[in-house]
Protein backbone atom coordinates (compact mmCIF):
# COMPACT_ATOMS: atom_id res chain seq x y z
CA MET A 1 -14.24 -5.22 -26.19
CA SER A 2 -17.89 -6.15 -26.54
CA ARG A 3 -20.45 -4.12 -24.67
CA ALA A 4 -23.50 -5.19 -22.69
CA SER A 5 -26.97 -4.07 -23.62
CA ASN A 6 -26.87 -1.16 -21.16
CA GLY A 7 -23.64 0.20 -22.64
CA THR A 8 -21.36 -1.31 -19.99
CA SER A 9 -18.51 -3.40 -21.37
CA ALA A 10 -18.20 -7.05 -20.42
CA LEU A 11 -14.81 -6.34 -18.81
CA THR A 12 -16.31 -3.55 -16.69
CA ARG A 13 -18.96 -5.97 -15.40
CA VAL A 14 -16.34 -8.59 -14.55
CA LEU A 15 -14.32 -6.01 -12.62
CA ALA A 16 -17.47 -4.86 -10.80
CA VAL A 17 -18.07 -8.43 -9.65
CA LEU A 18 -14.47 -8.82 -8.45
CA ASP A 19 -14.55 -5.40 -6.76
CA ALA A 20 -17.62 -6.47 -4.78
CA PHE A 21 -15.32 -8.52 -2.58
CA GLY A 22 -13.32 -6.74 0.11
CA ALA A 23 -11.60 -7.12 3.43
CA ASP A 24 -14.92 -6.37 5.11
CA GLN A 25 -16.73 -9.13 3.18
CA PRO A 26 -14.38 -11.73 1.68
CA PHE A 27 -17.22 -14.27 1.25
CA LEU A 28 -20.31 -13.30 -0.76
CA THR A 29 -23.42 -15.04 -2.06
CA LEU A 30 -24.69 -14.43 -5.57
CA THR A 31 -27.35 -12.10 -4.15
CA GLN A 32 -24.76 -10.12 -2.22
CA ILE A 33 -22.54 -9.86 -5.31
CA HIS A 34 -25.55 -8.54 -7.24
CA ARG A 35 -26.31 -5.92 -4.58
CA ARG A 36 -22.70 -4.78 -4.11
CA SER A 37 -21.84 -4.69 -7.81
CA GLY A 38 -25.08 -3.33 -9.22
CA ILE A 39 -24.98 -6.03 -11.91
CA PRO A 40 -28.28 -7.78 -12.77
CA VAL A 41 -28.74 -11.18 -11.12
CA SER A 42 -28.84 -13.04 -14.43
CA SER A 43 -25.51 -11.51 -15.47
CA VAL A 44 -23.98 -12.19 -12.05
CA HIS A 45 -24.78 -15.91 -12.39
CA ARG A 46 -23.08 -16.08 -15.78
CA ILE A 47 -20.04 -13.99 -14.82
CA VAL A 48 -19.46 -15.85 -11.55
CA ALA A 49 -19.67 -19.23 -13.30
CA GLU A 50 -17.09 -18.16 -15.84
CA LEU A 51 -14.78 -16.68 -13.19
CA VAL A 52 -14.99 -19.94 -11.22
CA ASP A 53 -14.06 -21.91 -14.36
CA HIS A 54 -10.92 -19.79 -14.68
CA GLY A 55 -9.99 -19.93 -10.98
CA LEU A 56 -10.55 -16.22 -10.43
CA LEU A 57 -13.37 -16.99 -7.97
CA GLU A 58 -13.67 -20.08 -5.78
CA PRO A 59 -16.82 -21.63 -4.22
CA ALA A 60 -16.91 -21.54 -0.42
CA ALA A 61 -19.18 -22.76 2.38
CA GLY A 62 -22.79 -21.64 2.59
CA ARG A 63 -23.21 -21.05 -1.15
CA THR A 64 -20.72 -18.22 -1.02
CA TYR A 65 -17.73 -17.37 -3.19
CA ARG A 66 -14.32 -15.91 -2.49
CA LEU A 67 -11.56 -14.44 -4.66
CA GLY A 68 -9.50 -17.21 -6.21
CA ASN A 69 -5.80 -17.87 -5.72
CA ARG A 70 -5.23 -17.34 -9.42
CA LEU A 71 -5.86 -13.62 -8.88
CA TRP A 72 -2.94 -13.60 -6.44
CA GLU A 73 -0.84 -15.48 -8.99
CA ILE A 74 -1.61 -12.90 -11.67
CA GLY A 75 -1.19 -9.95 -9.31
CA SER A 76 2.16 -11.19 -8.06
CA LYS A 77 3.54 -10.81 -11.58
CA THR A 78 2.79 -7.08 -11.71
CA PRO A 79 6.20 -5.51 -12.44
CA GLY A 80 5.68 -2.31 -10.46
CA ALA A 81 4.46 -3.96 -7.29
CA LEU A 82 6.59 -7.10 -7.54
CA GLY A 83 9.92 -5.37 -8.02
CA LEU A 84 9.34 -2.86 -5.25
CA ARG A 85 7.93 -5.36 -2.78
CA GLU A 86 10.61 -8.00 -3.37
CA ILE A 87 13.45 -5.52 -3.17
CA ALA A 88 12.06 -3.78 -0.07
CA GLU A 89 11.17 -6.90 1.94
CA PRO A 90 14.59 -7.60 3.51
CA TYR A 91 14.90 -3.93 4.51
CA LEU A 92 11.40 -3.94 5.98
CA ARG A 93 12.23 -6.94 8.14
CA ARG A 94 15.40 -5.38 9.50
CA LEU A 95 13.58 -2.09 10.13
CA HIS A 96 10.86 -3.97 11.98
CA ASP A 97 13.48 -5.62 14.19
CA VAL A 98 14.54 -2.15 15.30
CA ILE A 99 11.17 -0.40 15.59
CA GLY A 100 9.28 -3.39 17.01
CA GLN A 101 5.88 -2.12 15.87
CA HIS A 102 4.31 -2.08 12.38
CA VAL A 103 6.28 -1.25 9.25
CA GLN A 104 4.61 -1.22 5.86
CA LEU A 105 5.15 -0.46 2.20
CA SER A 106 2.48 1.06 -0.01
CA VAL A 107 1.83 2.43 -3.47
CA ARG A 108 -0.87 4.76 -4.78
CA ILE A 109 -3.85 3.69 -6.87
CA ASP A 110 -5.89 6.72 -7.95
CA THR A 111 -6.86 8.41 -4.67
CA ASP A 112 -6.23 5.35 -2.48
CA VAL A 113 -3.18 3.90 -0.78
CA LEU A 114 -2.64 0.19 -1.48
CA ILE A 115 -0.68 -1.77 1.14
CA LEU A 116 1.89 -4.01 -0.59
CA GLU A 117 3.56 -5.40 2.53
CA ARG A 118 3.22 -5.13 6.29
CA ILE A 119 5.32 -6.65 9.07
CA SER A 120 3.96 -6.52 12.61
CA ALA A 121 4.59 -7.75 16.13
CA PRO A 122 1.87 -9.61 18.08
CA ASP A 123 1.76 -6.92 20.77
CA ALA A 124 2.02 -3.93 18.42
CA VAL A 125 -0.40 -1.00 18.58
CA ILE A 126 -3.66 -1.24 16.64
CA ASN A 127 -3.29 -0.81 12.88
CA GLY A 128 -6.18 -0.40 10.44
CA SER A 129 -4.29 -1.57 7.34
CA ILE A 130 -3.98 -5.03 5.80
CA VAL A 131 -1.85 -6.33 2.95
CA GLY A 132 -3.79 -5.90 -0.27
CA GLY A 133 -6.17 -3.46 1.37
CA ARG A 134 -6.79 0.15 0.42
CA ILE A 135 -6.99 3.28 2.54
CA PRO A 136 -8.35 6.59 1.22
CA ILE A 137 -5.31 8.76 0.61
CA GLN A 138 -6.49 11.58 2.92
CA HIS A 139 -6.48 9.35 6.03
CA SER A 140 -2.93 8.01 6.30
CA SER A 141 0.64 9.15 6.66
CA SER A 142 1.52 7.29 3.46
CA GLY A 143 -1.29 9.16 1.75
CA LEU A 144 0.20 12.46 2.90
CA VAL A 145 3.50 11.41 1.33
CA PHE A 146 1.82 10.88 -2.05
CA LEU A 147 -0.06 14.17 -1.73
CA ALA A 148 3.09 16.07 -0.78
CA PHE A 149 5.68 14.51 -3.08
CA GLY A 150 3.58 12.94 -5.83
CA GLU A 151 1.78 14.18 -8.90
CA PRO A 152 0.70 17.82 -9.14
CA GLY A 153 -3.05 18.23 -8.93
CA LEU A 154 -3.59 15.13 -6.80
CA LEU A 155 -4.39 17.17 -3.69
CA ASP A 156 -7.02 19.19 -5.55
CA ALA A 157 -8.61 15.98 -6.84
CA VAL A 158 -8.80 14.54 -3.32
CA ILE A 159 -10.30 17.74 -1.92
CA ALA A 160 -12.88 17.78 -4.72
CA GLN A 161 -14.08 14.35 -3.54
CA GLY A 162 -14.80 15.73 -0.07
CA ILE A 163 -13.00 15.70 3.27
CA ARG A 164 -14.31 12.94 5.54
CA PRO A 165 -12.07 12.34 8.62
CA LEU A 166 -12.22 8.99 10.38
CA THR A 167 -11.52 10.49 13.82
CA THR A 168 -11.67 13.92 15.39
CA ALA A 169 -7.88 14.13 15.06
CA GLY A 170 -7.95 13.96 11.26
CA PRO A 171 -8.28 17.06 9.05
CA ALA A 172 -11.92 18.05 8.66
CA THR A 173 -11.48 20.82 6.08
CA ALA A 174 -9.60 21.40 2.86
CA ASP A 175 -7.44 24.02 4.58
CA ALA A 176 -6.52 21.56 7.33
CA LEU A 177 -5.52 18.90 4.81
CA ARG A 178 -3.47 21.43 2.83
CA ALA A 179 -1.72 22.46 6.05
CA ALA A 180 -0.86 18.81 6.79
CA VAL A 181 0.55 18.41 3.27
CA ASP A 182 2.61 21.60 3.66
CA ALA A 183 3.98 20.36 6.98
CA THR A 184 4.95 17.06 5.34
CA LEU A 185 6.83 18.92 2.62
CA ALA A 186 8.64 21.05 5.18
CA ARG A 187 9.70 18.09 7.38
CA GLY A 188 10.38 15.61 4.61
CA TYR A 189 8.15 13.01 6.26
CA ALA A 190 4.48 12.67 7.25
CA VAL A 191 3.04 12.30 10.75
CA THR A 192 -0.61 11.50 11.47
CA ASP A 193 -1.48 11.36 15.15
CA GLY A 194 -4.68 9.39 15.70
CA TRP A 195 -6.07 9.93 12.20
CA ILE A 196 -7.20 6.29 11.84
CA HIS A 197 -7.32 5.21 15.49
CA PRO A 198 -6.74 7.41 18.57
CA ALA A 199 -4.13 5.01 19.98
CA SER A 200 -2.00 4.93 16.84
CA ARG A 201 0.39 7.32 15.14
CA GLY A 202 1.46 6.95 11.53
CA LEU A 203 4.78 8.05 10.04
CA ALA A 204 5.79 7.74 6.39
CA VAL A 205 8.49 8.81 3.95
CA PRO A 206 8.71 8.64 0.15
CA VAL A 207 10.52 5.84 -1.66
CA ARG A 208 12.06 7.23 -4.83
CA GLY A 209 12.99 5.42 -8.02
CA SER A 210 14.46 6.48 -11.33
CA GLU A 211 14.69 10.25 -11.91
CA ASP A 212 13.68 10.83 -8.28
CA VAL A 213 10.06 9.84 -8.95
CA VAL A 214 8.11 8.74 -5.87
CA VAL A 215 7.26 5.07 -6.47
CA GLY A 216 6.00 4.20 -3.01
CA ALA A 217 5.76 5.13 0.64
CA LEU A 218 7.51 3.48 3.57
CA GLY A 219 5.57 3.81 6.79
CA ALA A 220 5.46 2.85 10.44
CA VAL A 221 2.53 2.70 12.85
CA ILE A 222 3.58 3.32 16.45
CA PRO A 223 1.84 4.24 19.72
CA ASN A 224 0.34 7.72 19.81
CA ASP A 225 2.04 8.52 23.10
CA GLY A 226 3.34 12.03 22.46
CA LYS A 227 7.00 10.96 22.38
CA SER A 228 9.44 12.35 19.84
CA VAL A 229 9.26 10.69 16.43
CA HIS A 230 12.67 11.94 15.28
CA ARG A 231 14.50 8.59 15.65
CA THR A 232 11.74 6.65 13.88
CA ALA A 233 11.59 9.21 11.07
CA GLU A 234 15.34 8.97 10.56
CA LEU A 235 15.17 5.17 10.43
CA LEU A 236 12.41 5.40 7.84
CA ARG A 237 14.33 7.89 5.72
CA GLU A 238 17.53 5.85 5.82
CA THR A 239 15.66 2.66 4.94
CA ALA A 240 13.73 4.34 2.12
CA HIS A 241 17.01 5.60 0.69
CA ARG A 242 18.46 2.08 0.76
CA ILE A 243 15.35 0.64 -0.91
CA GLY A 244 15.47 3.30 -3.62
CA ASP A 245 19.15 2.60 -4.27
CA ALA A 246 18.50 -1.14 -4.45
CA LEU A 247 15.57 -0.56 -6.79
CA LEU A 248 17.79 1.36 -9.19
CA ARG A 249 20.53 -1.28 -9.00
CA ALA A 250 18.03 -4.05 -9.79
CA TYR A 251 17.44 -2.63 -13.24
CA LEU A 252 21.06 -2.01 -14.19
CA PRO A 253 22.66 -4.30 -16.80
CA ALA A 254 24.33 -7.33 -15.25
CA SER A 255 27.71 -6.04 -16.43
CA HIS A 256 27.32 -2.77 -14.55
CA PRO A 257 29.61 -2.53 -11.48
CA ARG A 258 26.68 -1.49 -9.25
CA ALA A 259 24.17 -4.07 -10.52
CA LEU A 260 22.66 -6.44 -7.97
CA PRO A 261 24.91 -9.50 -7.64
CA GLY A 262 23.36 -12.29 -9.67
CA GLY A 263 19.99 -10.61 -9.45
CA ASN A 264 19.72 -11.96 -5.89
CA LEU A 265 17.91 -9.28 -3.95
CA ARG A 266 18.57 -10.85 -0.56
CA ALA A 267 22.25 -11.10 -1.35
CA LEU A 268 22.41 -7.34 -1.60
CA VAL A 269 21.38 -6.94 2.02
CA SER A 270 23.67 -9.65 3.37
CA SER A 271 26.74 -8.95 1.27
CA SER A 272 26.89 -5.18 0.82
CA PRO A 273 29.32 -3.83 3.48
CA ASP A 274 27.22 -0.82 4.42
CA SER A 275 23.75 -1.77 3.21
CA MET A 276 22.26 -2.24 6.68
CA ARG A 277 24.99 -0.91 8.96
CA PHE A 278 22.91 2.11 9.88
CA LEU A 279 20.30 -0.21 11.41
CA GLU A 280 22.81 -2.50 13.07
CA ARG A 281 24.12 0.48 15.03
CA ARG A 282 20.63 0.98 16.49
CA THR A 283 20.45 -2.58 17.77
CA ARG A 284 23.60 -2.49 19.85
């Protein structure tokens, strides 16, 4: 990979331009891209023009640019995210029918939680997450799941970056965050009351893949009303187990007796005798 005159590779500069866009500012001018990326204006002009030619950026109103649909096309082919999201989606929808609030699926990227999918009701409690958006791992129930059940050393890395709670309810010290992680380990699921917004409570459980590795987190955002979360936690755990089982079955050889029928992920949910029975009992 060629390198720019200041020692930064061309690819690094392209990524800096793309990373300048976010949920807070989806439309940016060239000057704003320059300021948010730290890339010289002359280089921004050249990089943006090339990204537009390839459909990775698209011109918008007011001499602004937005991320192009081709990025979504490329991202949707990512094996880790695609397989998990596609397999989990039918289970998420059925879980949402029961809970009636927000349900969401996430994975970890470095020390952030990336939201792969979210299903919500129009009158659901406030939720600070969006599909494709990131949340610092220390702020969410899904983040606690990754800290508790994920890679060793991750918690120390997060603490080294500094503890910065979003609300007064969130952990303000390293000891408080460690205590929350320990409680998550003891319960088997994470609970964050008002960590992102005072009116909301987050719950999350791990989704496990091959060799019991945590590949994602299944979460719910419900009202922070002080009521017992036991039923919701059990629904999340049951659903996460079903998703993990379906994920394993998706990668079995077609000849295997437990392989997904015809590779049709939706068929698994509709045809398996007990695949969603645990949720159907809750709806009666």
